[in-house]
């Protein structure tokens, strides 16, 4: 999966989680100690947030029971394991 495709797929998940939690971008930004513009950029796929940001997003949107996030976490663990093994 290309980096652009990853960003787009993750952007859709982030948007869905935030909207599903009934949070505005501004409210989520305040909860996370971020700028609203960062939330917008991640949701539009302009930037790919790191794992800690996504984990925090899941926490604040209470999206951790969504099976798609579990699949995302497992994929990240595999990628991190490969990266660690090759360094």
C-alpha atoms as a PDB file:
ATOM      1  CA  UNK A   1       0.000   0.000   0.000  1.00  0.00           C
ATOM      2  CA  UNK A   2       1.468   3.341  -0.991  1.00  0.00           C
ATOM      3  CA  UNK A   3       1.939   6.119   1.532  1.00  0.00           C
ATOM      4  CA  UNK A   4      -0.757   8.176  -0.211  1.00  0.00           C
ATOM      5  CA  UNK A   5      -3.211   5.292  -0.021  1.00  0.00           C
ATOM      6  CA  UNK A   6      -2.351   4.753   3.661  1.00  0.00           C
ATOM      7  CA  UNK A   7      -3.006   8.401   4.403  1.00  0.00           C
ATOM      8  CA  UNK A   8      -6.353   8.326   2.592  1.00  0.00           C
ATOM      9  CA  UNK A   9      -7.509   5.144   4.328  1.00  0.00           C
ATOM     10  CA  UNK A  10      -6.449   6.355   7.755  1.00  0.00           C
ATOM     11  CA  UNK A  11      -7.982   9.794   7.116  1.00  0.00           C
ATOM     12  CA  UNK A  12     -11.369   8.163   6.501  1.00  0.00           C
ATOM     13  CA  UNK A  13     -11.080   6.133   9.700  1.00  0.00           C
ATOM     14  CA  UNK A  14     -10.104   9.179  11.757  1.00  0.00           C
ATOM     15  CA  UNK A  15     -12.999  11.194  10.366  1.00  0.00           C
ATOM     16  CA  UNK A  16     -15.463   8.366  10.982  1.00  0.00           C
ATOM     17  CA  UNK A  17     -14.282   7.904  14.570  1.00  0.00           C
ATOM     18  CA  UNK A  18     -14.485  11.607  15.422  1.00  0.00           C
ATOM     19  CA  UNK A  19     -17.911  12.074  13.850  1.00  0.00           C
ATOM     20  CA  UNK A  20     -19.146   8.869  15.471  1.00  0.00           C
ATOM     21  CA  UNK A  21     -18.086  10.235  18.862  1.00  0.00           C
ATOM     22  CA  UNK A  22     -19.999  13.446  18.199  1.00  0.00           C
ATOM     23  CA  UNK A  23     -16.869  15.583  18.540  1.00  0.00           C
ATOM     24  CA  UNK A  24     -16.020  18.664  16.539  1.00  0.00           C
ATOM     25  CA  UNK A  25     -12.496  19.046  15.221  1.00  0.00           C
ATOM     26  CA  UNK A  26     -12.000  21.893  17.687  1.00  0.00           C
ATOM     27  CA  UNK A  27     -13.141  19.825  20.675  1.00  0.00           C
ATOM     28  CA  UNK A  28     -10.973  16.849  19.739  1.00  0.00           C
ATOM     29  CA  UNK A  29      -7.998  19.160  19.211  1.00  0.00           C
ATOM     30  CA  UNK A  30      -8.460  20.587  22.706  1.00  0.00           C
ATOM     31  CA  UNK A  31      -8.733  17.125  24.249  1.00  0.00           C
ATOM     32  CA  UNK A  32      -5.536  16.046  22.492  1.00  0.00           C
ATOM     33  CA  UNK A  33      -3.634  19.287  23.125  1.00  0.00           C
ATOM     34  CA  UNK A  34      -3.360  19.890  19.374  1.00  0.00           C
ATOM     35  CA  UNK A  35      -4.402  22.569  16.923  1.00  0.00           C
ATOM     36  CA  UNK A  36      -7.684  22.229  15.058  1.00  0.00           C
ATOM     37  CA  UNK A  37      -5.727  22.618  11.818  1.00  0.00           C
ATOM     38  CA  UNK A  38      -3.743  19.449  12.631  1.00  0.00           C
ATOM     39  CA  UNK A  39      -6.962  17.488  13.120  1.00  0.00           C
ATOM     40  CA  UNK A  40      -8.201  18.780   9.774  1.00  0.00           C
ATOM     41  CA  UNK A  41      -4.944  17.896   7.994  1.00  0.00           C
ATOM     42  CA  UNK A  42      -4.985  14.338   9.339  1.00  0.00           C
ATOM     43  CA  UNK A  43      -8.644  13.869   8.418  1.00  0.00           C
ATOM     44  CA  UNK A  44      -8.025  15.132   4.897  1.00  0.00           C
ATOM     45  CA  UNK A  45      -5.013  12.847   4.477  1.00  0.00           C
ATOM     46  CA  UNK A  46      -2.536  15.682   4.055  1.00  0.00           C
ATOM     47  CA  UNK A  47      -0.307  14.172   6.732  1.00  0.00           C
ATOM     48  CA  UNK A  48      -0.082  10.651   8.144  1.00  0.00           C
ATOM     49  CA  UNK A  49      -0.139  10.780  11.943  1.00  0.00           C
ATOM     50  CA  UNK A  50       2.092   8.474  13.923  1.00  0.00           C
ATOM     51  CA  UNK A  51       0.912   5.573  16.015  1.00  0.00           C
ATOM     52  CA  UNK A  52       0.831   7.547  19.321  1.00  0.00           C
ATOM     53  CA  UNK A  53      -1.470  10.163  17.779  1.00  0.00           C
ATOM     54  CA  UNK A  54      -3.818   7.535  16.378  1.00  0.00           C
ATOM     55  CA  UNK A  55      -3.856   5.664  19.699  1.00  0.00           C
ATOM     56  CA  UNK A  56      -4.795   8.898  21.463  1.00  0.00           C
ATOM     57  CA  UNK A  57      -7.467   9.599  18.820  1.00  0.00           C
ATOM     58  CA  UNK A  58      -8.982   6.160  19.452  1.00  0.00           C
ATOM     59  CA  UNK A  59      -8.962   6.825  23.193  1.00  0.00           C
ATOM     60  CA  UNK A  60     -10.746  10.175  22.956  1.00  0.00           C
ATOM     61  CA  UNK A  61     -13.290   9.029  20.377  1.00  0.00           C
ATOM     62  CA  UNK A  62     -13.911   5.764  22.229  1.00  0.00           C
ATOM     63  CA  UNK A  63     -13.527   3.938  18.930  1.00  0.00           C
ATOM     64  CA  UNK A  64     -11.480   1.112  20.414  1.00  0.00           C
ATOM     65  CA  UNK A  65     -14.348  -1.358  20.081  1.00  0.00           C
ATOM     66  CA  UNK A  66     -14.522  -0.893  16.306  1.00  0.00           C
ATOM     67  CA  UNK A  67     -13.011  -4.021  14.647  1.00  0.00           C
ATOM     68  CA  UNK A  68     -11.337  -1.927  11.972  1.00  0.00           C
ATOM     69  CA  UNK A  69      -9.146  -0.254  14.601  1.00  0.00           C
ATOM     70  CA  UNK A  70      -8.079  -3.629  15.948  1.00  0.00           C
ATOM     71  CA  UNK A  71      -6.983  -4.611  12.441  1.00  0.00           C
ATOM     72  CA  UNK A  72      -5.129  -1.302  12.122  1.00  0.00           C
ATOM     73  CA  UNK A  73      -3.310  -1.871  15.438  1.00  0.00           C
ATOM     74  CA  UNK A  74      -2.277  -5.380  14.402  1.00  0.00           C
ATOM     75  CA  UNK A  75      -0.943  -4.079  11.089  1.00  0.00           C
ATOM     76  CA  UNK A  76       1.042  -1.383  12.901  1.00  0.00           C
ATOM     77  CA  UNK A  77       2.540  -3.958  15.250  1.00  0.00           C
ATOM     78  CA  UNK A  78       3.694  -6.017  12.261  1.00  0.00           C
ATOM     79  CA  UNK A  79       5.220  -2.952  10.582  1.00  0.00           C
ATOM     80  CA  UNK A  80       6.943  -1.892  13.811  1.00  0.00           C
ATOM     81  CA  UNK A  81       8.254  -5.421  14.310  1.00  0.00           C
ATOM     82  CA  UNK A  82       9.708  -5.501  10.793  1.00  0.00           C
ATOM     83  CA  UNK A  83      11.253  -2.059  11.237  1.00  0.00           C
ATOM     84  CA  UNK A  84      12.791  -3.031  14.577  1.00  0.00           C
ATOM     85  CA  UNK A  85      14.145  -6.305  13.182  1.00  0.00           C
ATOM     86  CA  UNK A  86      15.844  -4.589  10.248  1.00  0.00           C
ATOM     87  CA  UNK A  87      17.526  -1.850  12.328  1.00  0.00           C
END
